[in-house]
Amino acid sequence: MGTMVEKEEGNIIDLARQYVGLDAEEKLRNPLLRHQLAQHLMRAQCDSLTTERIQQQYKHGQPDNNLPLIMKYLSTTEQQSKDELMLAIMGNRGLSWDDATYTENERKLVRNWAYNKAHTIAGGTSEIQLNIIAKRALGLPS
């Protein structure tokens, strides 16, 4: 049984296989997307491991109160990158919103991208999050 990250990321790998296709060596045909996908998978694993570290610190009564501040920024930034990568993988099919010629999954992925984008604005833009990190975590002046 795989981890939550493995299950979730399996979806993006399956999506890439479906929309981009594989070459004779069983690699994604598009080397740039293959590189971007590998980068995303590494960052997602780092995010997962750091979240686990935060949980363990709290469990043992040794929390680092700066890590959640940093993780909010990193996690939302990575979610945006993942959503944009998924749309890039889908090519023109990633432009759907409400068109009968697109599948329900294609429409869902585009809606999720829009929702997640709005969520990062409502939760504080990246610039605001970086300012909070600078002041609270790093102790820099305003």
Protein backbone atom coordinates (compact mmCIF):
# COMPACT_ATOMS: atom_id res chain seq x y z
CA MET A 1 0.00 0.00 0.00
CA GLY A 2 1.58 3.29 -1.12
CA THR A 3 1.75 6.60 0.66
CA MET A 4 -0.76 9.36 0.03
CA VAL A 5 1.83 11.20 -2.07
CA GLU A 6 2.45 8.10 -4.20
CA LYS A 7 -1.28 7.64 -4.80
CA GLU A 8 -1.88 11.29 -5.59
CA GLU A 9 1.16 11.59 -7.82
CA GLY A 10 0.23 8.39 -9.62
CA ASN A 11 -2.63 10.39 -11.08
CA ILE A 12 -0.32 12.96 -12.67
CA ILE A 13 1.93 10.21 -14.02
CA ASP A 14 -1.09 8.41 -15.52
CA LEU A 15 -2.28 11.72 -16.95
CA ALA A 16 1.11 12.29 -18.58
CA ARG A 17 1.14 8.81 -20.06
CA GLN A 18 -2.36 9.32 -21.44
CA TYR A 19 -1.89 12.78 -22.98
CA VAL A 20 1.82 12.85 -23.85
CA GLY A 21 2.44 9.18 -24.54
CA LEU A 22 5.57 7.09 -24.20
CA ASP A 23 8.51 6.63 -26.54
CA ALA A 24 10.19 3.33 -27.46
CA GLU A 25 12.11 3.40 -24.16
CA GLU A 26 8.87 3.78 -22.16
CA LYS A 27 9.71 7.42 -21.27
CA LEU A 28 7.40 10.36 -21.78
CA ARG A 29 7.75 11.58 -25.35
CA ASN A 30 8.21 15.22 -24.32
CA PRO A 31 11.57 15.60 -22.52
CA LEU A 32 10.67 19.03 -21.08
CA LEU A 33 7.47 17.71 -19.52
CA ARG A 34 9.37 14.66 -18.31
CA HIS A 35 11.86 16.97 -16.57
CA GLN A 36 9.09 19.14 -15.08
CA LEU A 37 7.26 16.06 -13.85
CA ALA A 38 10.40 14.71 -12.19
CA GLN A 39 10.98 18.06 -10.47
CA HIS A 40 7.39 18.12 -9.24
CA LEU A 41 7.59 14.58 -7.89
CA MET A 42 10.78 15.40 -5.97
CA ARG A 43 9.25 18.57 -4.48
CA ALA A 44 6.06 16.68 -3.56
CA GLN A 45 8.13 14.07 -1.72
CA CYS A 46 10.04 16.80 0.12
CA ASP A 47 6.75 18.44 1.08
CA SER A 48 5.40 15.15 2.40
CA LEU A 49 8.53 14.38 4.41
CA THR A 50 8.64 17.86 5.92
CA THR A 51 4.97 17.65 6.89
CA GLU A 52 5.73 14.34 8.58
CA ARG A 53 8.66 15.97 10.39
CA ILE A 54 6.40 18.77 11.68
CA GLN A 55 3.89 16.22 12.95
CA GLN A 56 6.62 14.25 14.72
CA GLN A 57 7.99 17.42 16.33
CA TYR A 58 4.55 18.32 17.70
CA LYS A 59 4.01 14.76 18.89
CA HIS A 60 7.26 14.90 20.88
CA GLY A 61 6.62 18.42 22.21
CA GLN A 62 9.44 20.01 20.21
CA PRO A 63 7.69 22.05 17.53
CA ASP A 64 9.53 24.48 15.31
CA ASN A 65 6.88 27.17 14.89
CA ASN A 66 8.63 28.55 11.81
CA LEU A 67 8.22 25.39 9.72
CA PRO A 68 4.42 25.67 9.30
CA LEU A 69 4.85 29.26 8.08
CA ILE A 70 7.35 28.13 5.47
CA MET A 71 5.35 25.03 4.54
CA LYS A 72 2.20 27.05 3.82
CA TYR A 73 4.11 29.04 1.23
CA LEU A 74 5.93 26.03 -0.24
CA SER A 75 2.84 23.82 -0.35
CA THR A 76 0.60 26.37 -2.06
CA THR A 77 3.35 27.27 -4.52
CA GLU A 78 3.86 23.59 -5.35
CA GLN A 79 0.11 23.02 -5.72
CA GLN A 80 0.02 25.85 -8.27
CA SER A 81 2.98 24.35 -10.12
CA LYS A 82 1.34 20.94 -10.14
CA ASP A 83 -1.95 22.31 -11.45
CA GLU A 84 -0.16 24.25 -14.20
CA LEU A 85 1.89 21.17 -15.09
CA MET A 86 -1.27 19.08 -15.36
CA LEU A 87 -2.79 21.62 -17.74
CA ALA A 88 0.44 21.71 -19.78
CA ILE A 89 0.41 17.91 -19.98
CA MET A 90 -3.16 18.03 -21.31
CA GLY A 91 -2.25 20.55 -24.00
CA ASN A 92 -5.32 22.07 -25.66
CA ARG A 93 -7.52 19.73 -23.61
CA GLY A 94 -6.38 21.70 -20.55
CA LEU A 95 -8.31 24.73 -21.77
CA SER A 96 -11.75 23.29 -21.05
CA TRP A 97 -14.21 24.87 -18.69
CA ASP A 98 -17.69 23.89 -19.73
CA ASP A 99 -17.72 22.31 -23.15
CA ALA A 100 -19.48 19.05 -23.97
CA THR A 101 -16.56 17.88 -26.14
CA TYR A 102 -14.29 17.67 -23.08
CA THR A 103 -14.40 14.85 -20.57
CA GLU A 104 -15.67 15.38 -17.03
CA ASN A 105 -12.12 14.78 -15.75
CA GLU A 106 -10.72 17.46 -18.07
CA ARG A 107 -13.33 19.96 -16.86
CA LYS A 108 -12.64 18.94 -13.23
CA LEU A 109 -8.88 19.47 -13.55
CA VAL A 110 -9.36 22.95 -15.02
CA ARG A 111 -11.86 23.87 -12.28
CA ASN A 112 -9.44 22.57 -9.62
CA TRP A 113 -6.70 24.76 -11.10
CA ALA A 114 -8.97 27.83 -10.88
CA TYR A 115 -10.13 26.95 -7.35
CA ASN A 116 -6.60 26.35 -6.08
CA LYS A 117 -5.40 29.58 -7.66
CA ALA A 118 -8.19 31.50 -5.90
CA HIS A 119 -7.41 29.68 -2.64
CA THR A 120 -3.81 30.93 -2.68
CA ILE A 121 -5.03 34.49 -3.13
CA ALA A 122 -7.61 34.20 -0.34
CA GLY A 123 -5.03 32.57 1.96
CA GLY A 124 -2.53 35.36 1.31
CA THR A 125 -0.54 35.87 -1.84
CA SER A 126 2.96 34.48 -2.09
CA GLU A 127 4.37 37.96 -1.46
CA ILE A 128 2.37 38.27 1.77
CA GLN A 129 3.46 34.80 2.87
CA LEU A 130 7.10 35.65 2.17
CA ASN A 131 6.74 38.86 4.22
CA ILE A 132 5.30 36.85 7.12
CA ILE A 133 8.20 34.39 6.88
CA ALA A 134 10.71 37.24 6.78
CA LYS A 135 9.27 38.91 9.88
CA ARG A 136 8.26 35.94 12.04
CA ALA A 137 10.63 33.16 11.02
CA LEU A 138 13.72 35.15 10.14
CA GLY A 139 13.16 38.14 12.43
CA LEU A 140 13.82 40.66 9.68
CA PRO A 141 12.55 44.22 10.12
CA SER A 142 9.40 45.44 8.37
